[in-house]
Amino acid sequence: MTIYILYSADYELFLGGNYIDEKEVLIEPTDRLLDFSDTLGIPITFFADVFSILRYREAGISPFPDDAENQLKDAIRRGHDVQSHVHPHWSTTRITGKTYEVNLQYFLLGSLDTDKGVLYKKVYDYLSTSKRYLDELLKREHAGYHCIAFRAGGYGLQPNSDVIFKALIDAGFLID
């Protein structure tokens, strides 16, 4: 019997704000984790919260989006993996200095709407956007890359897990 252990880490900014630079919060610690994993010869999977990157880019705040994208590409080049992690609150989060105004109503995918049809469309849109973003970003670094795995923000597949699972399957995710 063979046992496989997959090492993973969420690639995300803090909820509520970063009281130090994003480079110190995420980029530099991830560089150290990559180096340590390389030293041990252990690949790691990063579950990237792409909506924070997209929100920063939309707000015109740099250099975080470019730094994060470059780091994710570097991880792929080094033989690690990057998959999808979705915190939907980023689409409505207002970034003010080092703090965020977060509407926690949008923290979990299953809470985005009370109408299951509308909810499905919203969840599917988030999932397919994150998958498409990672595929387009990372296939340039490794032609065989595919975004196939998902980790829910806050590990929250409830409420409405039936809708979330259907959207995951329809968006082409194979692993949750």
C-alpha atoms as a PDB file:
ATOM      1  CA  MET A   1       0.000   0.000   0.000  1.00  0.00           C
ATOM      2  CA  THR A   2       1.313   3.399  -0.995  1.00  0.00           C
ATOM      3  CA  ILE A   3       0.349   6.461   0.980  1.00  0.00           C
ATOM      4  CA  TYR A   4       0.615   9.871  -0.640  1.00  0.00           C
ATOM      5  CA  ILE A   5       0.855  13.006   1.444  1.00  0.00           C
ATOM      6  CA  LEU A   6       0.095  16.265  -0.298  1.00  0.00           C
ATOM      7  CA  TYR A   7       1.471  19.383   1.324  1.00  0.00           C
ATOM      8  CA  SER A   8      -0.575  22.489   0.756  1.00  0.00           C
ATOM      9  CA  ALA A   9      -0.875  26.082   1.862  1.00  0.00           C
ATOM     10  CA  ASP A  10      -3.453  28.777   1.293  1.00  0.00           C
ATOM     11  CA  TYR A  11      -1.956  31.626  -0.701  1.00  0.00           C
ATOM     12  CA  GLU A  12      -3.944  34.550   0.666  1.00  0.00           C
ATOM     13  CA  LEU A  13      -3.870  37.885   2.418  1.00  0.00           C
ATOM     14  CA  PHE A  14      -5.271  38.366   5.900  1.00  0.00           C
ATOM     15  CA  LEU A  15      -8.981  39.004   6.360  1.00  0.00           C
ATOM     16  CA  GLY A  16      -9.548  42.575   7.488  1.00  0.00           C
ATOM     17  CA  GLY A  17      -6.195  44.037   6.486  1.00  0.00           C
ATOM     18  CA  ASN A  18      -2.459  43.779   6.355  1.00  0.00           C
ATOM     19  CA  TYR A  19      -0.688  46.015   8.813  1.00  0.00           C
ATOM     20  CA  ILE A  20       2.591  45.437   7.042  1.00  0.00           C
ATOM     21  CA  ASP A  21       3.360  45.398   3.340  1.00  0.00           C
ATOM     22  CA  GLU A  22       1.884  42.565   1.243  1.00  0.00           C
ATOM     23  CA  LYS A  23       5.431  41.574   0.393  1.00  0.00           C
ATOM     24  CA  GLU A  24       6.092  40.879   4.090  1.00  0.00           C
ATOM     25  CA  VAL A  25       2.696  39.252   4.634  1.00  0.00           C
ATOM     26  CA  LEU A  26       2.667  36.856   1.684  1.00  0.00           C
ATOM     27  CA  ILE A  27       5.483  37.124  -0.864  1.00  0.00           C
ATOM     28  CA  GLU A  28       8.534  36.779   1.417  1.00  0.00           C
ATOM     29  CA  PRO A  29       7.095  33.979   3.621  1.00  0.00           C
ATOM     30  CA  THR A  30       6.090  32.082   0.481  1.00  0.00           C
ATOM     31  CA  ASP A  31       9.607  32.479  -0.935  1.00  0.00           C
ATOM     32  CA  ARG A  32      10.973  30.927   2.265  1.00  0.00           C
ATOM     33  CA  LEU A  33       8.414  28.107   2.079  1.00  0.00           C
ATOM     34  CA  LEU A  34       9.324  27.415  -1.550  1.00  0.00           C
ATOM     35  CA  ASP A  35      13.039  27.337  -0.712  1.00  0.00           C
ATOM     36  CA  PHE A  36      12.449  25.035   2.263  1.00  0.00           C
ATOM     37  CA  SER A  37      10.247  22.699   0.199  1.00  0.00           C
ATOM     38  CA  ASP A  38      12.885  22.627  -2.553  1.00  0.00           C
ATOM     39  CA  THR A  39      15.588  21.773  -0.017  1.00  0.00           C
ATOM     40  CA  LEU A  40      13.540  18.839   1.233  1.00  0.00           C
ATOM     41  CA  GLY A  41      12.503  17.785  -2.264  1.00  0.00           C
ATOM     42  CA  ILE A  42       8.837  18.051  -1.315  1.00  0.00           C
ATOM     43  CA  PRO A  43       6.427  19.676  -3.761  1.00  0.00           C
ATOM     44  CA  ILE A  44       3.733  21.868  -2.287  1.00  0.00           C
ATOM     45  CA  THR A  45       0.360  22.927  -3.651  1.00  0.00           C
ATOM     46  CA  PHE A  46      -0.597  26.547  -3.161  1.00  0.00           C
ATOM     47  CA  PHE A  47      -4.309  27.304  -3.151  1.00  0.00           C
ATOM     48  CA  ALA A  48      -4.236  30.820  -4.579  1.00  0.00           C
ATOM     49  CA  ASP A  49      -6.920  33.332  -3.677  1.00  0.00           C
ATOM     50  CA  VAL A  50      -6.895  34.922  -7.124  1.00  0.00           C
ATOM     51  CA  PHE A  51      -9.690  37.349  -6.317  1.00  0.00           C
ATOM     52  CA  SER A  52      -7.418  39.318  -3.979  1.00  0.00           C
ATOM     53  CA  ILE A  53      -4.951  39.698  -6.850  1.00  0.00           C
ATOM     54  CA  LEU A  54      -7.722  40.730  -9.229  1.00  0.00           C
ATOM     55  CA  ARG A  55      -9.184  43.192  -6.705  1.00  0.00           C
ATOM     56  CA  TYR A  56      -5.810  44.854  -6.099  1.00  0.00           C
ATOM     57  CA  ARG A  57      -5.267  45.125  -9.853  1.00  0.00           C
ATOM     58  CA  GLU A  58      -8.771  46.553 -10.366  1.00  0.00           C
ATOM     59  CA  ALA A  59      -8.091  49.141  -7.627  1.00  0.00           C
ATOM     60  CA  GLY A  60      -4.783  50.078  -9.274  1.00  0.00           C
ATOM     61  CA  ILE A  61      -2.757  49.053  -6.227  1.00  0.00           C
ATOM     62  CA  SER A  62       0.664  47.715  -7.034  1.00  0.00           C
ATOM     63  CA  PRO A  63       3.101  45.999  -6.914  1.00  0.00           C
ATOM     64  CA  PHE A  64       1.201  43.153  -5.201  1.00  0.00           C
ATOM     65  CA  PRO A  65      -0.639  41.755  -8.271  1.00  0.00           C
ATOM     66  CA  ASP A  66       2.550  41.477 -10.329  1.00  0.00           C
ATOM     67  CA  ASP A  67       4.552  40.128  -7.381  1.00  0.00           C
ATOM     68  CA  ALA A  68       1.928  37.464  -6.681  1.00  0.00           C
ATOM     69  CA  GLU A  69       1.619  36.413 -10.324  1.00  0.00           C
ATOM     70  CA  ASN A  70       5.391  36.197 -10.687  1.00  0.00           C
ATOM     71  CA  GLN A  71       5.626  34.102  -7.544  1.00  0.00           C
ATOM     72  CA  LEU A  72       2.909  31.699  -8.667  1.00  0.00           C
ATOM     73  CA  LYS A  73       4.649  31.291 -12.034  1.00  0.00           C
ATOM     74  CA  ASP A  74       7.946  30.677 -10.224  1.00  0.00           C
ATOM     75  CA  ALA A  75       6.302  28.006  -8.076  1.00  0.00           C
ATOM     76  CA  ILE A  76       5.153  26.169 -11.218  1.00  0.00           C
ATOM     77  CA  ARG A  77       8.605  26.461 -12.827  1.00  0.00           C
ATOM     78  CA  ARG A  78      10.119  24.964  -9.659  1.00  0.00           C
ATOM     79  CA  GLY A  79       7.832  21.914  -9.818  1.00  0.00           C
ATOM     80  CA  HIS A  80       5.200  22.950  -7.287  1.00  0.00           C
ATOM     81  CA  ASP A  81       1.492  23.287  -7.964  1.00  0.00           C
ATOM     82  CA  VAL A  82      -1.047  26.112  -7.796  1.00  0.00           C
ATOM     83  CA  GLN A  83      -4.785  25.562  -7.584  1.00  0.00           C
ATOM     84  CA  SER A  84      -7.904  27.631  -6.913  1.00  0.00           C
ATOM     85  CA  HIS A  85      -8.926  29.136  -3.603  1.00  0.00           C
ATOM     86  CA  VAL A  86     -11.944  31.414  -3.625  1.00  0.00           C
ATOM     87  CA  HIS A  87     -12.869  34.110  -1.140  1.00  0.00           C
ATOM     88  CA  PRO A  88     -15.770  35.825  -2.921  1.00  0.00           C
ATOM     89  CA  HIS A  89     -15.766  38.784  -0.520  1.00  0.00           C
ATOM     90  CA  TRP A  90     -12.921  40.330  -2.530  1.00  0.00           C
ATOM     91  CA  SER A  91     -15.312  41.419  -5.280  1.00  0.00           C
ATOM     92  CA  THR A  92     -16.948  43.867  -2.870  1.00  0.00           C
ATOM     93  CA  THR A  93     -13.999  44.594  -0.565  1.00  0.00           C
ATOM     94  CA  ARG A  94     -12.841  48.172  -0.372  1.00  0.00           C
ATOM     95  CA  ILE A  95      -9.108  48.540   0.191  1.00  0.00           C
ATOM     96  CA  THR A  96      -8.195  51.609   2.219  1.00  0.00           C
ATOM     97  CA  GLY A  97      -4.517  51.909   3.011  1.00  0.00           C
ATOM     98  CA  LYS A  98      -3.612  48.743   4.883  1.00  0.00           C
ATOM     99  CA  THR A  99      -7.161  47.844   5.902  1.00  0.00           C
ATOM    100  CA  TYR A 100     -10.086  46.290   4.102  1.00  0.00           C
ATOM    101  CA  GLU A 101     -13.767  47.011   4.393  1.00  0.00           C
ATOM    102  CA  VAL A 102     -15.158  43.489   4.045  1.00  0.00           C
ATOM    103  CA  ASN A 103     -18.811  42.571   3.665  1.00  0.00           C
ATOM    104  CA  LEU A 104     -18.872  39.198   5.442  1.00  0.00           C
ATOM    105  CA  GLN A 105     -22.169  38.384   3.717  1.00  0.00           C
ATOM    106  CA  TYR A 106     -19.938  37.549   0.733  1.00  0.00           C
ATOM    107  CA  PHE A 107     -17.404  35.449   2.639  1.00  0.00           C
ATOM    108  CA  LEU A 108     -18.829  32.021   1.739  1.00  0.00           C
ATOM    109  CA  LEU A 109     -19.819  30.980  -1.773  1.00  0.00           C
ATOM    110  CA  GLY A 110     -23.029  29.345  -0.560  1.00  0.00           C
ATOM    111  CA  SER A 111     -24.247  32.605   0.990  1.00  0.00           C
ATOM    112  CA  LEU A 112     -24.093  34.764  -2.124  1.00  0.00           C
ATOM    113  CA  ASP A 113     -27.824  34.507  -2.823  1.00  0.00           C
ATOM    114  CA  THR A 114     -30.970  32.890  -1.435  1.00  0.00           C
ATOM    115  CA  ASP A 115     -32.312  31.939  -4.879  1.00  0.00           C
ATOM    116  CA  LYS A 116     -30.594  28.676  -5.861  1.00  0.00           C
ATOM    117  CA  GLY A 117     -30.645  29.472  -9.588  1.00  0.00           C
ATOM    118  CA  VAL A 118     -29.021  32.869  -9.060  1.00  0.00           C
ATOM    119  CA  LEU A 119     -26.634  31.344  -6.535  1.00  0.00           C
ATOM    120  CA  TYR A 120     -25.534  28.675  -9.014  1.00  0.00           C
ATOM    121  CA  LYS A 121     -24.703  31.307 -11.633  1.00  0.00           C
ATOM    122  CA  LYS A 122     -22.706  33.393  -9.145  1.00  0.00           C
ATOM    123  CA  VAL A 123     -20.777  30.391  -7.804  1.00  0.00           C
ATOM    124  CA  TYR A 124     -20.133  29.063 -11.308  1.00  0.00           C
ATOM    125  CA  ASP A 125     -18.873  32.500 -12.399  1.00  0.00           C
ATOM    126  CA  TYR A 126     -16.433  32.698  -9.459  1.00  0.00           C
ATOM    127  CA  LEU A 127     -15.167  29.168 -10.056  1.00  0.00           C
ATOM    128  CA  SER A 128     -14.778  29.458 -13.814  1.00  0.00           C
ATOM    129  CA  THR A 129     -13.090  32.863 -13.459  1.00  0.00           C
ATOM    130  CA  SER A 130     -10.529  31.503 -10.997  1.00  0.00           C
ATOM    131  CA  LYS A 131      -9.900  28.416 -13.131  1.00  0.00           C
ATOM    132  CA  ARG A 132      -9.528  30.432 -16.337  1.00  0.00           C
ATOM    133  CA  TYR A 133      -7.228  32.964 -14.634  1.00  0.00           C
ATOM    134  CA  LEU A 134      -4.887  30.271 -13.300  1.00  0.00           C
ATOM    135  CA  ASP A 135      -4.911  28.280 -16.540  1.00  0.00           C
ATOM    136  CA  GLU A 136      -4.044  31.371 -18.604  1.00  0.00           C
ATOM    137  CA  LEU A 137      -1.361  32.530 -16.162  1.00  0.00           C
ATOM    138  CA  LEU A 138       0.350  29.218 -15.522  1.00  0.00           C
ATOM    139  CA  LYS A 139       0.113  27.277 -18.802  1.00  0.00           C
ATOM    140  CA  ARG A 140       2.744  29.693 -20.131  1.00  0.00           C
ATOM    141  CA  GLU A 141       5.136  28.293 -17.524  1.00  0.00           C
ATOM    142  CA  HIS A 142       4.215  24.622 -17.913  1.00  0.00           C
ATOM    143  CA  ALA A 143       2.200  23.466 -20.909  1.00  0.00           C
ATOM    144  CA  GLY A 144       0.742  20.561 -18.919  1.00  0.00           C
ATOM    145  CA  TYR A 145      -0.649  22.763 -16.149  1.00  0.00           C
ATOM    146  CA  HIS A 146      -4.390  22.496 -15.452  1.00  0.00           C
ATOM    147  CA  CYS A 147      -6.387  24.024 -12.643  1.00  0.00           C
ATOM    148  CA  ILE A 148      -8.369  21.022 -11.400  1.00  0.00           C
ATOM    149  CA  ALA A 149      -8.569  21.486  -7.630  1.00  0.00           C
ATOM    150  CA  PHE A 150     -10.457  23.886  -5.408  1.00  0.00           C
ATOM    151  CA  ARG A 151     -10.374  24.833  -1.754  1.00  0.00           C
ATOM    152  CA  ALA A 152     -13.250  26.940  -0.465  1.00  0.00           C
ATOM    153  CA  GLY A 153     -12.465  30.088   1.461  1.00  0.00           C
ATOM    154  CA  GLY A 154     -12.942  29.385   5.144  1.00  0.00           C
ATOM    155  CA  TYR A 155     -13.256  25.706   4.117  1.00  0.00           C
ATOM    156  CA  GLY A 156     -16.921  26.635   3.707  1.00  0.00           C
ATOM    157  CA  LEU A 157     -18.915  24.439   1.378  1.00  0.00           C
ATOM    158  CA  GLN A 158     -22.072  25.226   3.321  1.00  0.00           C
ATOM    159  CA  PRO A 159     -24.672  26.479   3.054  1.00  0.00           C
ATOM    160  CA  ASN A 160     -25.994  25.184  -0.253  1.00  0.00           C
ATOM    161  CA  SER A 161     -23.280  22.580  -0.807  1.00  0.00           C
ATOM    162  CA  ASP A 162     -25.439  20.900  -3.478  1.00  0.00           C
ATOM    163  CA  VAL A 163     -25.270  24.058  -5.596  1.00  0.00           C
ATOM    164  CA  ILE A 164     -21.530  24.467  -4.973  1.00  0.00           C
ATOM    165  CA  PHE A 165     -20.771  20.856  -5.928  1.00  0.00           C
ATOM    166  CA  LYS A 166     -22.795  21.161  -9.139  1.00  0.00           C
ATOM    167  CA  ALA A 167     -20.964  24.374 -10.052  1.00  0.00           C
ATOM    168  CA  LEU A 168     -17.593  22.745  -9.261  1.00  0.00           C
ATOM    169  CA  ILE A 169     -18.349  19.826 -11.578  1.00  0.00           C
ATOM    170  CA  ASP A 170     -19.738  22.079 -14.318  1.00  0.00           C
ATOM    171  CA  ALA A 171     -16.700  24.384 -14.105  1.00  0.00           C
ATOM    172  CA  GLY A 172     -14.375  21.401 -14.568  1.00  0.00           C
ATOM    173  CA  PHE A 173     -12.975  20.939 -11.087  1.00  0.00           C
ATOM    174  CA  LEU A 174     -12.058  17.367 -10.228  1.00  0.00           C
ATOM    175  CA  ILE A 175     -10.858  17.772  -6.626  1.00  0.00           C
ATOM    176  CA  ASP A 176     -12.223  19.606  -3.626  1.00  0.00           C
END
